Amino acid sequence: MTIMSAWSSLALAASFVAVVGLAAAAAAPQNLDAPPDVGGVPADAEVTDSGLAHKVLQEGTGSRSPNRMSTVSVHYTGWLTNGTLFDSSVPTGRPATFPLNQVIGGWTEGVQLMVVGEKRRFWIPAELGYGDRGFQNLIPGGAMLVFDIELVNVQ
């Protein structure tokens, strides 16, 4: 990956979080309390070689998994490990749609493990998220991110 394509990917991912976050903040409030295991990776989670931890919350109904070049539609909610909610598509009722290869690495890797209709919780280490730089005032540098992601569609 060139520096320019890496910057473009970071910019697109940042735009994605910022735009979807603004839409979620403007929607009607819903109960999006942090799950009890948000503070750290639980013993029953699987961990990939990259350090991405995950567990299935709801089995999927589909048989097709996306690849890194797929465009996907997902519902998601993201928390910091201290329980702070920083983004969600759930309040809008509209899934977010984006190319899977243009978001943070933890999403690119993790969503490829899913099938349509499946919901998983991911614990994304900083190296697969926003690293030491963080993101605006929402995500501090070095933060592990916790996401519940439901794969709605693969294009």
Protein backbone atom coordinates (compact mmCIF):
# COMPACT_ATOMS: atom_id res chain seq x y z
CA MET A 1 0.00 0.00 0.00
CA THR A 2 1.41 3.38 -0.95
CA ILE A 3 1.44 6.29 1.46
CA MET A 4 -1.21 8.04 -0.66
CA SER A 5 -3.54 5.01 -0.71
CA ALA A 6 -3.00 4.53 3.02
CA TRP A 7 -3.90 8.18 3.59
CA SER A 8 -6.97 7.83 1.34
CA SER A 9 -8.09 4.77 3.29
CA LEU A 10 -7.61 6.59 6.59
CA ALA A 11 -9.46 9.63 5.32
CA LEU A 12 -12.36 7.50 4.04
CA ALA A 13 -12.54 5.58 7.32
CA ALA A 14 -12.48 8.84 9.28
CA SER A 15 -15.21 10.27 7.06
CA PHE A 16 -17.26 7.11 7.53
CA VAL A 17 -17.09 7.31 11.32
CA ALA A 18 -17.74 11.06 11.35
CA VAL A 19 -20.71 11.00 8.95
CA VAL A 20 -22.36 7.93 10.43
CA GLY A 21 -21.70 9.21 13.93
CA LEU A 22 -23.44 12.49 13.15
CA ALA A 23 -26.44 10.64 11.73
CA ALA A 24 -26.64 8.40 14.80
CA ALA A 25 -26.38 11.34 17.17
CA ALA A 26 -29.27 13.09 15.43
CA ALA A 27 -31.57 10.05 15.63
CA ALA A 28 -33.96 9.15 18.41
CA PRO A 29 -32.18 7.78 21.48
CA GLN A 30 -32.16 4.02 22.06
CA ASN A 31 -30.69 1.79 24.73
CA LEU A 32 -27.13 1.21 23.57
CA ASP A 33 -25.60 0.41 26.93
CA ALA A 34 -22.16 -1.13 26.83
CA PRO A 35 -22.15 -4.92 27.13
CA PRO A 36 -20.70 -6.35 30.36
CA ASP A 37 -17.61 -7.71 28.55
CA VAL A 38 -16.68 -4.39 26.90
CA GLY A 39 -13.74 -3.88 29.29
CA GLY A 40 -11.59 -6.64 27.86
CA VAL A 41 -11.47 -9.77 25.75
CA PRO A 42 -13.44 -12.56 27.48
CA ALA A 43 -12.13 -16.12 27.77
CA ASP A 44 -14.76 -17.45 25.35
CA ALA A 45 -13.67 -15.18 22.46
CA GLU A 46 -11.62 -16.47 19.55
CA VAL A 47 -8.47 -14.52 18.65
CA THR A 48 -6.93 -14.37 15.18
CA ASP A 49 -3.19 -14.28 14.48
CA SER A 50 -3.41 -10.48 14.11
CA GLY A 51 -4.86 -10.10 17.62
CA LEU A 52 -8.47 -9.47 16.56
CA ALA A 53 -10.78 -11.05 19.14
CA HIS A 54 -14.36 -11.96 18.30
CA LYS A 55 -17.35 -14.05 19.25
CA VAL A 56 -20.63 -14.84 17.55
CA LEU A 57 -23.66 -13.24 19.19
CA GLN A 58 -26.23 -14.41 16.64
CA GLU A 59 -25.83 -17.08 13.98
CA GLY A 60 -26.27 -15.92 10.39
CA THR A 61 -28.78 -17.19 7.88
CA GLY A 62 -26.63 -16.69 4.81
CA SER A 63 -23.85 -18.79 3.36
CA ARG A 64 -21.85 -16.06 1.64
CA SER A 65 -18.99 -14.24 3.33
CA PRO A 66 -17.58 -11.00 1.93
CA ASN A 67 -14.01 -10.60 0.76
CA ARG A 68 -11.89 -7.51 1.25
CA MET A 69 -13.09 -6.07 -2.09
CA SER A 70 -16.79 -6.49 -1.26
CA THR A 71 -19.15 -3.66 -0.48
CA VAL A 72 -21.08 -4.51 2.67
CA SER A 73 -24.06 -3.17 4.58
CA VAL A 74 -23.91 -3.48 8.35
CA HIS A 75 -25.53 -2.32 11.53
CA TYR A 76 -22.96 -1.61 14.20
CA THR A 77 -22.36 -0.07 17.58
CA GLY A 78 -18.91 0.90 18.89
CA TRP A 79 -17.66 1.43 22.44
CA LEU A 80 -14.38 2.19 24.12
CA THR A 81 -13.34 -0.30 26.79
CA ASN A 82 -14.47 2.13 29.50
CA GLY A 83 -18.04 1.73 28.21
CA THR A 84 -18.22 5.02 26.30
CA LEU A 85 -20.41 4.74 23.21
CA PHE A 86 -18.75 6.54 20.31
CA ASP A 87 -20.78 5.53 17.25
CA SER A 88 -23.77 3.46 16.11
CA SER A 89 -25.92 2.94 13.04
CA VAL A 90 -28.68 1.35 15.13
CA PRO A 91 -30.61 4.52 16.10
CA THR A 92 -30.99 5.54 12.45
CA GLY A 93 -32.54 2.21 11.47
CA ARG A 94 -30.44 2.37 8.30
CA PRO A 95 -27.39 0.15 7.86
CA ALA A 96 -24.10 1.70 6.83
CA THR A 97 -22.79 0.64 3.40
CA PHE A 98 -19.13 0.87 2.40
CA PRO A 99 -16.28 -0.93 0.59
CA LEU A 100 -14.73 -3.32 3.12
CA ASN A 101 -11.18 -2.52 2.04
CA GLN A 102 -11.57 1.16 2.96
CA VAL A 103 -12.17 0.97 6.71
CA ILE A 104 -9.96 0.16 9.69
CA GLY A 105 -8.10 -3.15 9.49
CA GLY A 106 -10.09 -4.77 12.30
CA TRP A 107 -13.28 -4.29 10.32
CA THR A 108 -11.74 -5.48 7.05
CA GLU A 109 -10.48 -8.66 8.71
CA GLY A 110 -13.43 -9.29 11.00
CA VAL A 111 -16.37 -8.76 8.67
CA GLN A 112 -14.83 -11.30 6.26
CA LEU A 113 -15.39 -13.94 8.97
CA MET A 114 -19.15 -13.32 8.91
CA VAL A 115 -22.14 -14.45 6.83
CA VAL A 116 -25.28 -12.43 6.14
CA GLY A 117 -27.56 -12.23 9.17
CA GLU A 118 -24.73 -12.90 11.62
CA LYS A 119 -23.93 -10.63 14.52
CA ARG A 120 -20.50 -10.66 16.19
CA ARG A 121 -18.72 -8.71 18.86
CA PHE A 122 -15.17 -7.65 18.02
CA TRP A 123 -12.39 -6.42 20.28
CA ILE A 124 -10.12 -4.51 17.92
CA PRO A 125 -6.61 -3.75 19.20
CA ALA A 126 -5.27 -0.28 18.47
CA GLU A 127 -2.96 -1.65 15.75
CA LEU A 128 -6.04 -2.73 13.75
CA GLY A 129 -8.00 0.42 14.64
CA TYR A 130 -6.76 3.98 14.88
CA GLY A 131 -3.35 3.17 16.36
CA ASP A 132 -1.52 5.70 18.48
CA ARG A 133 -3.05 8.64 16.61
CA GLY A 134 -6.66 8.03 17.72
CA PHE A 135 -9.47 9.80 15.93
CA GLN A 136 -10.52 13.39 16.63
CA ASN A 137 -11.91 13.69 20.17
CA LEU A 138 -13.86 10.44 19.89
CA ILE A 139 -11.14 7.80 20.12
CA PRO A 140 -7.95 8.26 22.14
CA GLY A 141 -4.62 7.03 20.81
CA GLY A 142 -3.84 3.41 21.66
CA ALA A 143 -7.49 2.56 22.30
CA MET A 144 -8.95 -0.90 21.90
CA LEU A 145 -12.34 -0.63 20.19
CA VAL A 146 -15.31 -2.92 20.84
CA PHE A 147 -17.92 -3.28 18.11
CA ASP A 148 -21.11 -5.25 17.73
CA ILE A 149 -21.53 -5.75 13.98
CA GLU A 150 -24.45 -7.33 12.14
CA LEU A 151 -23.81 -8.18 8.48
CA VAL A 152 -26.96 -7.18 6.60
CA ASN A 153 -25.85 -7.55 2.98
CA VAL A 154 -22.88 -8.30 0.73
CA GLN A 155 -22.74 -6.75 -2.73
